[in-house]
Amino acid sequence: MNPGSIGNLEVNSGNSGNRGIILVVSGPNLDLLGTREPAIYGRATLDMHIQAAAEEAKQLGFTIEHFQSNHEGEIVGSIHSATGRAVAIIANLGALTHYSWSIRDALAAYDGIVVEVHLSNPVAREEFRHVSVLAEIAEGSIAGFGGLGYILAVKAIHALL
């Protein structure tokens, strides 16, 4: 595991008084980006994607916090902690996207904007990836653009607020 991506990491520290916090929640196996199936997910690491999102967020007046876990319950806890504190959540939940009703329910109870992100295009892959249990509660989904998806999600949040 990459310790820089585990836990509640504030990427733009010292940027209080801005438009708010965007929590990026990363699910299982995303800590392996850069080495895991590079033909599908590319060579960029999760930290590189988060840093790019943080740079975009800073330009638009937001702060990025990042939480990555390979454990469903920890992800639910991070979502619960965002209520009343973060203006939006960018969720790349990996395989949990397709079956985690507990994460779906946590996001449904969250009081801010939710944007779903996928590095690859799930609809162009195996059939089990075609369904997202998050789709009906997210404001939108960005898929298939690699790391650019995180930047696009920050821009979408900015436009929605």
N, C-alpha and C. Protein backbone atom coordinates (compact mmCIF):
# COMPACT_ATOMS: atom_id res chain seq x y z
N MET A 1 0.83 -1.18 0.00
CA MET A 1 0.00 0.00 0.00
C MET A 1 0.88 1.25 0.00
N ASN A 2 0.40 2.26 -0.63
CA ASN A 2 1.12 3.52 -0.67
C ASN A 2 0.64 4.39 0.49
N PRO A 3 1.49 4.60 1.49
CA PRO A 3 1.04 5.36 2.66
C PRO A 3 0.56 6.77 2.32
N GLY A 4 1.02 7.36 1.23
CA GLY A 4 0.59 8.70 0.85
C GLY A 4 -0.87 8.74 0.41
N SER A 5 -1.44 7.60 0.11
CA SER A 5 -2.81 7.56 -0.37
C SER A 5 -3.78 6.98 0.65
N ILE A 6 -3.26 6.51 1.76
CA ILE A 6 -4.11 5.88 2.75
C ILE A 6 -4.51 6.91 3.80
N GLY A 7 -5.75 6.82 4.23
CA GLY A 7 -6.22 7.74 5.25
C GLY A 7 -6.76 9.01 4.64
N ASN A 8 -6.99 9.96 5.47
CA ASN A 8 -7.58 11.22 5.05
C ASN A 8 -6.45 12.19 4.77
N LEU A 9 -6.07 12.32 3.53
CA LEU A 9 -4.93 13.13 3.12
C LEU A 9 -5.42 14.43 2.50
N GLU A 10 -5.02 15.55 3.08
CA GLU A 10 -5.37 16.84 2.50
C GLU A 10 -4.24 17.24 1.58
N VAL A 11 -4.53 17.36 0.28
CA VAL A 11 -3.50 17.62 -0.71
C VAL A 11 -3.15 19.09 -0.79
N ASN A 12 -4.12 19.98 -0.70
CA ASN A 12 -3.87 21.43 -0.77
C ASN A 12 -3.92 22.01 0.63
N SER A 13 -3.04 21.58 1.51
CA SER A 13 -3.10 22.06 2.89
C SER A 13 -2.85 23.56 2.95
N GLY A 14 -3.41 24.18 3.95
CA GLY A 14 -3.26 25.61 4.13
C GLY A 14 -4.12 26.43 3.20
N ASN A 15 -5.11 25.81 2.58
CA ASN A 15 -5.96 26.51 1.61
C ASN A 15 -7.36 26.71 2.17
N SER A 16 -7.45 26.93 3.49
CA SER A 16 -8.76 27.10 4.09
C SER A 16 -9.38 28.41 3.65
N GLY A 17 -10.69 28.52 3.80
CA GLY A 17 -11.38 29.72 3.37
C GLY A 17 -11.71 29.68 1.90
N ASN A 18 -11.55 28.53 1.28
CA ASN A 18 -11.83 28.41 -0.15
C ASN A 18 -13.28 28.00 -0.39
N ARG A 19 -13.58 27.56 -1.58
CA ARG A 19 -14.96 27.17 -1.94
C ARG A 19 -15.38 25.88 -1.27
N GLY A 20 -14.46 25.16 -0.68
CA GLY A 20 -14.80 23.95 0.04
C GLY A 20 -13.89 22.78 -0.29
N ILE A 21 -14.15 21.71 0.42
CA ILE A 21 -13.39 20.47 0.28
C ILE A 21 -14.09 19.55 -0.70
N ILE A 22 -13.31 18.95 -1.57
CA ILE A 22 -13.78 17.85 -2.41
C ILE A 22 -13.06 16.61 -1.91
N LEU A 23 -13.82 15.62 -1.47
CA LEU A 23 -13.24 14.35 -1.02
C LEU A 23 -13.18 13.40 -2.21
N VAL A 24 -12.00 12.90 -2.49
CA VAL A 24 -11.83 11.87 -3.51
C VAL A 24 -11.71 10.55 -2.77
N VAL A 25 -12.61 9.62 -3.07
CA VAL A 25 -12.62 8.31 -2.44
C VAL A 25 -12.21 7.28 -3.48
N SER A 26 -11.16 6.54 -3.16
CA SER A 26 -10.63 5.52 -4.07
C SER A 26 -10.78 4.15 -3.45
N GLY A 27 -11.31 3.22 -4.23
CA GLY A 27 -11.59 1.89 -3.73
C GLY A 27 -10.46 0.89 -3.91
N PRO A 28 -10.81 -0.38 -3.77
CA PRO A 28 -9.83 -1.46 -3.79
C PRO A 28 -8.98 -1.50 -5.05
N ASN A 29 -7.74 -1.81 -4.84
CA ASN A 29 -6.73 -2.03 -5.89
C ASN A 29 -6.28 -0.75 -6.58
N LEU A 30 -6.89 0.38 -6.29
CA LEU A 30 -6.43 1.61 -6.93
C LEU A 30 -5.07 2.05 -6.40
N ASP A 31 -4.68 1.53 -5.25
CA ASP A 31 -3.34 1.78 -4.74
C ASP A 31 -2.27 1.11 -5.60
N LEU A 32 -2.69 0.23 -6.51
CA LEU A 32 -1.76 -0.47 -7.40
C LEU A 32 -1.63 0.19 -8.77
N LEU A 33 -2.32 1.32 -8.96
CA LEU A 33 -2.23 1.99 -10.26
C LEU A 33 -0.77 2.31 -10.59
N GLY A 34 -0.46 2.22 -11.86
CA GLY A 34 0.91 2.41 -12.32
C GLY A 34 1.58 1.08 -12.62
N THR A 35 1.16 0.04 -11.89
CA THR A 35 1.71 -1.30 -12.13
C THR A 35 0.62 -2.32 -12.45
N ARG A 36 -0.61 -2.07 -12.02
CA ARG A 36 -1.72 -3.01 -12.25
C ARG A 36 -2.31 -2.81 -13.64
N GLU A 37 -2.26 -3.83 -14.46
CA GLU A 37 -2.85 -3.82 -15.80
C GLU A 37 -2.65 -2.48 -16.52
N PRO A 38 -1.40 -2.10 -16.78
CA PRO A 38 -1.15 -0.79 -17.40
C PRO A 38 -1.79 -0.62 -18.79
N ALA A 39 -2.06 -1.71 -19.48
CA ALA A 39 -2.73 -1.60 -20.78
C ALA A 39 -4.15 -1.07 -20.63
N ILE A 40 -4.76 -1.29 -19.47
CA ILE A 40 -6.11 -0.81 -19.20
C ILE A 40 -6.09 0.50 -18.43
N TYR A 41 -5.25 0.57 -17.38
CA TYR A 41 -5.30 1.70 -16.45
C TYR A 41 -4.16 2.70 -16.63
N GLY A 42 -3.21 2.40 -17.50
CA GLY A 42 -2.10 3.31 -17.73
C GLY A 42 -0.99 3.14 -16.72
N ARG A 43 0.03 3.96 -16.85
CA ARG A 43 1.22 3.88 -15.98
C ARG A 43 1.22 4.92 -14.87
N ALA A 44 0.29 5.85 -14.90
CA ALA A 44 0.22 6.88 -13.85
C ALA A 44 -0.23 6.24 -12.54
N THR A 45 0.34 6.70 -11.45
CA THR A 45 -0.03 6.21 -10.13
C THR A 45 -1.27 6.95 -9.62
N LEU A 46 -1.86 6.41 -8.59
CA LEU A 46 -3.00 7.08 -7.97
C LEU A 46 -2.58 8.45 -7.44
N ASP A 47 -1.41 8.52 -6.84
CA ASP A 47 -0.93 9.82 -6.33
C ASP A 47 -0.81 10.85 -7.45
N MET A 48 -0.40 10.41 -8.64
CA MET A 48 -0.30 11.34 -9.78
C MET A 48 -1.68 11.85 -10.18
N HIS A 49 -2.67 10.97 -10.20
CA HIS A 49 -4.04 11.38 -10.53
C HIS A 49 -4.59 12.36 -9.49
N ILE A 50 -4.33 12.06 -8.22
CA ILE A 50 -4.83 12.93 -7.15
C ILE A 50 -4.14 14.29 -7.21
N GLN A 51 -2.86 14.31 -7.50
CA GLN A 51 -2.14 15.57 -7.59
C GLN A 51 -2.69 16.42 -8.74
N ALA A 52 -2.98 15.80 -9.88
CA ALA A 52 -3.56 16.54 -11.02
C ALA A 52 -4.92 17.12 -10.65
N ALA A 53 -5.74 16.32 -9.96
CA ALA A 53 -7.05 16.82 -9.51
C ALA A 53 -6.87 17.96 -8.51
N ALA A 54 -5.89 17.85 -7.63
CA ALA A 54 -5.63 18.88 -6.63
C ALA A 54 -5.20 20.19 -7.28
N GLU A 55 -4.40 20.11 -8.34
CA GLU A 55 -3.98 21.32 -9.04
C GLU A 55 -5.16 22.01 -9.69
N GLU A 56 -6.04 21.23 -10.32
CA GLU A 56 -7.25 21.80 -10.93
C GLU A 56 -8.15 22.40 -9.85
N ALA A 57 -8.32 21.66 -8.77
CA ALA A 57 -9.17 22.12 -7.67
C ALA A 57 -8.64 23.44 -7.09
N LYS A 58 -7.36 23.53 -6.91
CA LYS A 58 -6.77 24.75 -6.34
C LYS A 58 -7.04 25.95 -7.25
N GLN A 59 -6.93 25.75 -8.56
CA GLN A 59 -7.22 26.83 -9.51
C GLN A 59 -8.67 27.29 -9.42
N LEU A 60 -9.56 26.36 -9.06
CA LEU A 60 -10.98 26.69 -8.98
C LEU A 60 -11.42 27.03 -7.55
N GLY A 61 -10.47 27.05 -6.62
CA GLY A 61 -10.77 27.46 -5.26
C GLY A 61 -11.20 26.37 -4.30
N PHE A 62 -10.90 25.12 -4.62
CA PHE A 62 -11.27 24.00 -3.76
C PHE A 62 -10.02 23.36 -3.15
N THR A 63 -10.22 22.58 -2.13
CA THR A 63 -9.19 21.74 -1.53
C THR A 63 -9.56 20.29 -1.76
N ILE A 64 -8.59 19.48 -2.14
CA ILE A 64 -8.82 18.05 -2.31
C ILE A 64 -8.34 17.31 -1.07
N GLU A 65 -9.19 16.43 -0.57
CA GLU A 65 -8.79 15.43 0.42
C GLU A 65 -8.95 14.08 -0.26
N HIS A 66 -8.05 13.17 0.05
CA HIS A 66 -8.09 11.86 -0.59
C HIS A 66 -8.13 10.75 0.45
N PHE A 67 -8.98 9.76 0.19
CA PHE A 67 -9.05 8.57 1.03
C PHE A 67 -9.06 7.35 0.14
N GLN A 68 -8.13 6.44 0.36
CA GLN A 68 -8.08 5.18 -0.38
C GLN A 68 -8.10 4.04 0.60
N SER A 69 -8.90 3.02 0.30
CA SER A 69 -8.91 1.82 1.13
C SER A 69 -9.31 0.63 0.28
N ASN A 70 -8.80 -0.52 0.68
CA ASN A 70 -9.19 -1.78 0.07
C ASN A 70 -10.31 -2.45 0.87
N HIS A 71 -10.88 -1.70 1.84
CA HIS A 71 -11.89 -2.26 2.74
C HIS A 71 -13.18 -1.44 2.67
N GLU A 72 -14.25 -2.12 2.36
CA GLU A 72 -15.54 -1.48 2.14
C GLU A 72 -16.02 -0.65 3.33
N GLY A 73 -15.92 -1.18 4.52
CA GLY A 73 -16.39 -0.46 5.71
C GLY A 73 -15.63 0.83 5.95
N GLU A 74 -14.33 0.84 5.68
CA GLU A 74 -13.55 2.06 5.83
C GLU A 74 -14.00 3.12 4.83
N ILE A 75 -14.36 2.68 3.63
CA ILE A 75 -14.86 3.61 2.61
C ILE A 75 -16.19 4.21 3.05
N VAL A 76 -17.07 3.38 3.59
CA VAL A 76 -18.35 3.88 4.11
C VAL A 76 -18.08 4.93 5.19
N GLY A 77 -17.16 4.66 6.09
CA GLY A 77 -16.83 5.61 7.14
C GLY A 77 -16.30 6.94 6.60
N SER A 78 -15.49 6.87 5.55
CA SER A 78 -14.96 8.11 4.96
C SER A 78 -16.08 8.93 4.33
N ILE A 79 -17.05 8.27 3.73
CA ILE A 79 -18.20 8.97 3.14
C ILE A 79 -19.03 9.61 4.24
N HIS A 80 -19.28 8.88 5.32
CA HIS A 80 -20.02 9.45 6.45
C HIS A 80 -19.33 10.69 6.99
N SER A 81 -18.00 10.67 7.04
CA SER A 81 -17.26 11.80 7.61
C SER A 81 -17.33 13.04 6.72
N ALA A 82 -17.73 12.89 5.47
CA ALA A 82 -17.79 14.02 4.55
C ALA A 82 -19.04 14.86 4.72
N THR A 83 -20.09 14.29 5.30
CA THR A 83 -21.35 15.03 5.45
C THR A 83 -21.16 16.26 6.34
N GLY A 84 -21.59 17.41 5.81
CA GLY A 84 -21.47 18.66 6.53
C GLY A 84 -20.07 19.25 6.49
N ARG A 85 -19.13 18.58 5.83
CA ARG A 85 -17.74 19.01 5.81
C ARG A 85 -17.22 19.20 4.39
N ALA A 86 -17.57 18.32 3.49
CA ALA A 86 -17.11 18.39 2.10
C ALA A 86 -18.28 18.77 1.20
N VAL A 87 -18.01 19.60 0.19
CA VAL A 87 -19.07 20.03 -0.72
C VAL A 87 -19.36 18.98 -1.79
N ALA A 88 -18.41 18.05 -1.99
CA ALA A 88 -18.59 17.05 -3.04
C ALA A 88 -17.69 15.84 -2.78
N ILE A 89 -18.08 14.74 -3.38
CA ILE A 89 -17.28 13.52 -3.36
C ILE A 89 -17.07 13.07 -4.80
N ILE A 90 -15.82 12.81 -5.13
CA ILE A 90 -15.48 12.13 -6.39
C ILE A 90 -15.19 10.69 -5.99
N ALA A 91 -15.96 9.77 -6.54
CA ALA A 91 -15.86 8.36 -6.14
C ALA A 91 -15.37 7.49 -7.29
N ASN A 92 -14.19 6.91 -7.12
CA ASN A 92 -13.72 5.86 -8.01
C ASN A 92 -13.58 4.64 -7.12
N LEU A 93 -14.60 3.82 -7.12
CA LEU A 93 -14.69 2.72 -6.16
C LEU A 93 -14.26 1.38 -6.73
N GLY A 94 -13.69 1.37 -7.94
CA GLY A 94 -13.24 0.12 -8.51
C GLY A 94 -14.37 -0.88 -8.59
N ALA A 95 -14.07 -2.13 -8.30
CA ALA A 95 -15.06 -3.20 -8.41
C ALA A 95 -16.27 -3.00 -7.49
N LEU A 96 -16.11 -2.26 -6.39
CA LEU A 96 -17.23 -2.02 -5.48
C LEU A 96 -18.36 -1.24 -6.16
N THR A 97 -18.04 -0.55 -7.23
CA THR A 97 -19.05 0.18 -8.01
C THR A 97 -20.20 -0.72 -8.43
N HIS A 98 -19.90 -1.97 -8.66
CA HIS A 98 -20.85 -2.88 -9.30
C HIS A 98 -21.72 -3.67 -8.33
N TYR A 99 -21.39 -3.60 -7.03
CA TYR A 99 -22.17 -4.42 -6.11
C TYR A 99 -22.26 -3.91 -4.68
N SER A 100 -21.62 -2.82 -4.33
CA SER A 100 -21.61 -2.38 -2.93
C SER A 100 -22.83 -1.53 -2.61
N TRP A 101 -23.84 -2.18 -2.07
CA TRP A 101 -25.05 -1.46 -1.67
C TRP A 101 -24.80 -0.62 -0.43
N SER A 102 -23.86 -1.02 0.41
CA SER A 102 -23.57 -0.22 1.61
C SER A 102 -22.92 1.11 1.22
N ILE A 103 -22.04 1.10 0.23
CA ILE A 103 -21.43 2.35 -0.24
C ILE A 103 -22.48 3.18 -0.98
N ARG A 104 -23.30 2.55 -1.76
CA ARG A 104 -24.38 3.26 -2.46
C ARG A 104 -25.27 3.98 -1.46
N ASP A 105 -25.64 3.28 -0.38
CA ASP A 105 -26.51 3.88 0.63
C ASP A 105 -25.80 5.02 1.38
N ALA A 106 -24.51 4.87 1.64
CA ALA A 106 -23.76 5.94 2.29
C ALA A 106 -23.71 7.18 1.40
N LEU A 107 -23.49 6.99 0.11
CA LEU A 107 -23.47 8.12 -0.83
C LEU A 107 -24.86 8.74 -0.98
N ALA A 108 -25.90 7.93 -0.92
CA ALA A 108 -27.27 8.46 -1.01
C ALA A 108 -27.59 9.32 0.20
N ALA A 109 -27.01 9.01 1.36
CA ALA A 109 -27.26 9.78 2.58
C ALA A 109 -26.38 11.03 2.65
N TYR A 110 -25.36 11.10 1.81
CA TYR A 110 -24.44 12.24 1.81
C TYR A 110 -25.17 13.48 1.29
N ASP A 111 -24.86 14.64 1.86
CA ASP A 111 -25.60 15.87 1.55
C ASP A 111 -24.94 16.77 0.50
N GLY A 112 -24.00 16.25 -0.27
CA GLY A 112 -23.34 17.06 -1.30
C GLY A 112 -23.40 16.40 -2.66
N ILE A 113 -22.60 16.92 -3.57
CA ILE A 113 -22.52 16.42 -4.94
C ILE A 113 -21.68 15.15 -4.98
N VAL A 114 -22.12 14.18 -5.77
CA VAL A 114 -21.36 12.94 -5.98
C VAL A 114 -21.11 12.78 -7.47
N VAL A 115 -19.83 12.61 -7.83
CA VAL A 115 -19.45 12.34 -9.21
C VAL A 115 -18.68 11.03 -9.23
N GLU A 116 -19.14 10.12 -10.05
CA GLU A 116 -18.52 8.80 -10.21
C GLU A 116 -17.46 8.90 -11.31
N VAL A 117 -16.27 8.34 -11.05
CA VAL A 117 -15.17 8.36 -12.02
C VAL A 117 -14.66 6.94 -12.24
N HIS A 118 -14.39 6.63 -13.51
CA HIS A 118 -13.74 5.37 -13.88
C HIS A 118 -12.63 5.68 -14.87
N LEU A 119 -11.45 5.15 -14.64
CA LEU A 119 -10.34 5.38 -15.56
C LEU A 119 -10.62 4.72 -16.91
N SER A 120 -11.11 3.49 -16.88
CA SER A 120 -11.46 2.80 -18.11
C SER A 120 -12.95 3.02 -18.39
N ASN A 121 -13.41 2.49 -19.50
CA ASN A 121 -14.83 2.58 -19.84
C ASN A 121 -15.48 1.25 -19.48
N PRO A 122 -16.17 1.17 -18.34
CA PRO A 122 -16.73 -0.11 -17.89
C PRO A 122 -17.68 -0.75 -18.89
N VAL A 123 -18.39 0.04 -19.66
CA VAL A 123 -19.36 -0.51 -20.62
C VAL A 123 -18.66 -1.21 -21.79
N ALA A 124 -17.41 -0.88 -22.02
CA ALA A 124 -16.63 -1.51 -23.09
C ALA A 124 -15.86 -2.74 -22.59
N ARG A 125 -16.09 -3.11 -21.34
CA ARG A 125 -15.36 -4.23 -20.74
C ARG A 125 -16.30 -5.38 -20.41
N GLU A 126 -15.91 -6.22 -19.47
CA GLU A 126 -16.69 -7.40 -19.12
C GLU A 126 -18.10 -7.00 -18.70
N GLU A 127 -19.04 -7.90 -18.95
CA GLU A 127 -20.46 -7.59 -18.71
C GLU A 127 -20.74 -7.22 -17.25
N PHE A 128 -20.07 -7.85 -16.29
CA PHE A 128 -20.35 -7.53 -14.89
C PHE A 128 -20.01 -6.08 -14.55
N ARG A 129 -19.18 -5.43 -15.36
CA ARG A 129 -18.82 -4.04 -15.11
C ARG A 129 -19.84 -3.05 -15.71
N HIS A 130 -20.81 -3.52 -16.43
CA HIS A 130 -21.76 -2.63 -17.11
C HIS A 130 -22.76 -1.97 -16.16
N VAL A 131 -22.94 -2.53 -14.97
CA VAL A 131 -23.92 -1.99 -14.04
C VAL A 131 -23.20 -1.26 -12.91
N SER A 132 -23.64 -0.05 -12.62
CA SER A 132 -23.15 0.71 -11.48
C SER A 132 -24.29 0.90 -10.50
N VAL A 133 -24.11 0.43 -9.28
CA VAL A 133 -25.14 0.65 -8.27
C VAL A 133 -25.12 2.10 -7.78
N LEU A 134 -24.11 2.86 -8.18
CA LEU A 134 -24.00 4.26 -7.79
C LEU A 134 -24.69 5.21 -8.77
N ALA A 135 -24.95 4.75 -9.98
CA ALA A 135 -25.40 5.62 -11.06
C ALA A 135 -26.65 6.42 -10.71
N GLU A 136 -27.61 5.82 -10.05
CA GLU A 136 -28.86 6.53 -9.78
C GLU A 136 -28.75 7.58 -8.69
N ILE A 137 -27.66 7.56 -7.91
CA ILE A 137 -27.52 8.56 -6.86
C ILE A 137 -26.42 9.58 -7.15
N ALA A 138 -25.61 9.33 -8.16
CA ALA A 138 -24.55 10.28 -8.53
C ALA A 138 -25.11 11.33 -9.49
N GLU A 139 -24.57 12.54 -9.40
CA GLU A 139 -24.97 13.58 -10.35
C GLU A 139 -24.54 13.21 -11.76
N GLY A 140 -23.44 12.48 -11.87
CA GLY A 140 -22.96 12.06 -13.18
C GLY A 140 -21.81 11.10 -13.06
N SER A 141 -21.46 10.52 -14.19
CA SER A 141 -20.36 9.57 -14.26
C SER A 141 -19.42 9.97 -15.38
N ILE A 142 -18.12 9.90 -15.11
CA ILE A 142 -17.09 10.21 -16.10
C ILE A 142 -16.26 8.94 -16.26
N ALA A 143 -16.25 8.40 -17.47
CA ALA A 143 -15.59 7.11 -17.68
C ALA A 143 -14.80 7.09 -18.99
N GLY A 144 -13.67 6.38 -18.94
CA GLY A 144 -12.92 6.09 -20.15
C GLY A 144 -11.87 7.11 -20.54
N PHE A 145 -11.68 8.14 -19.74
CA PHE A 145 -10.72 9.19 -20.07
C PHE A 145 -9.43 9.10 -19.26
N GLY A 146 -9.20 7.97 -18.59
CA GLY A 146 -8.01 7.83 -17.76
C GLY A 146 -8.01 8.86 -16.66
N GLY A 147 -6.82 9.34 -16.30
CA GLY A 147 -6.67 10.31 -15.22
C GLY A 147 -7.36 11.63 -15.47
N LEU A 148 -7.59 11.95 -16.73
CA LEU A 148 -8.32 13.19 -17.06
C LEU A 148 -9.70 13.19 -16.40
N GLY A 149 -10.25 12.02 -16.12
CA GLY A 149 -11.55 11.92 -15.48
C GLY A 149 -11.62 12.64 -14.15
N TYR A 150 -10.55 12.62 -13.38
CA TYR A 150 -10.54 13.33 -12.10
C TYR A 150 -10.61 14.84 -12.31
N ILE A 151 -9.87 15.34 -13.29
CA ILE A 151 -9.89 16.78 -13.60
C ILE A 151 -11.28 17.18 -14.09
N LEU A 152 -11.86 16.36 -14.96
CA LEU A 152 -13.20 16.65 -15.47
C LEU A 152 -14.23 16.63 -14.33
N ALA A 153 -14.04 15.74 -13.37
CA ALA A 153 -14.97 15.69 -12.22
C ALA A 153 -14.87 16.97 -11.40
N VAL A 154 -13.66 17.46 -11.18
CA VAL A 154 -13.49 18.73 -10.44
C VAL A 154 -14.18 19.87 -11.19
N LYS A 155 -14.01 19.90 -12.51
CA LYS A 155 -14.65 20.95 -13.32
C LYS A 155 -16.18 20.83 -13.24
N ALA A 156 -16.68 19.61 -13.26
CA ALA A 156 -18.14 19.40 -13.18
C ALA A 156 -18.66 19.89 -11.82
N ILE A 157 -17.96 19.59 -10.75
CA ILE A 157 -18.37 20.04 -9.43
C ILE A 157 -18.39 21.57 -9.38
N HIS A 158 -17.36 22.18 -9.93
CA HIS A 158 -17.30 23.64 -9.97
C HIS A 158 -18.51 24.21 -10.70
N ALA A 159 -18.86 23.60 -11.83
CA ALA A 159 -20.00 24.09 -12.62
C ALA A 159 -21.33 23.87 -11.89
N LEU A 160 -21.43 22.82 -11.10
CA LEU A 160 -22.67 22.52 -10.40
C LEU A 160 -22.89 23.35 -9.15
N LEU A 161 -21.83 23.89 -8.59
CA LEU A 161 -21.96 24.66 -7.34
C LEU A 161 -22.24 26.12 -7.61
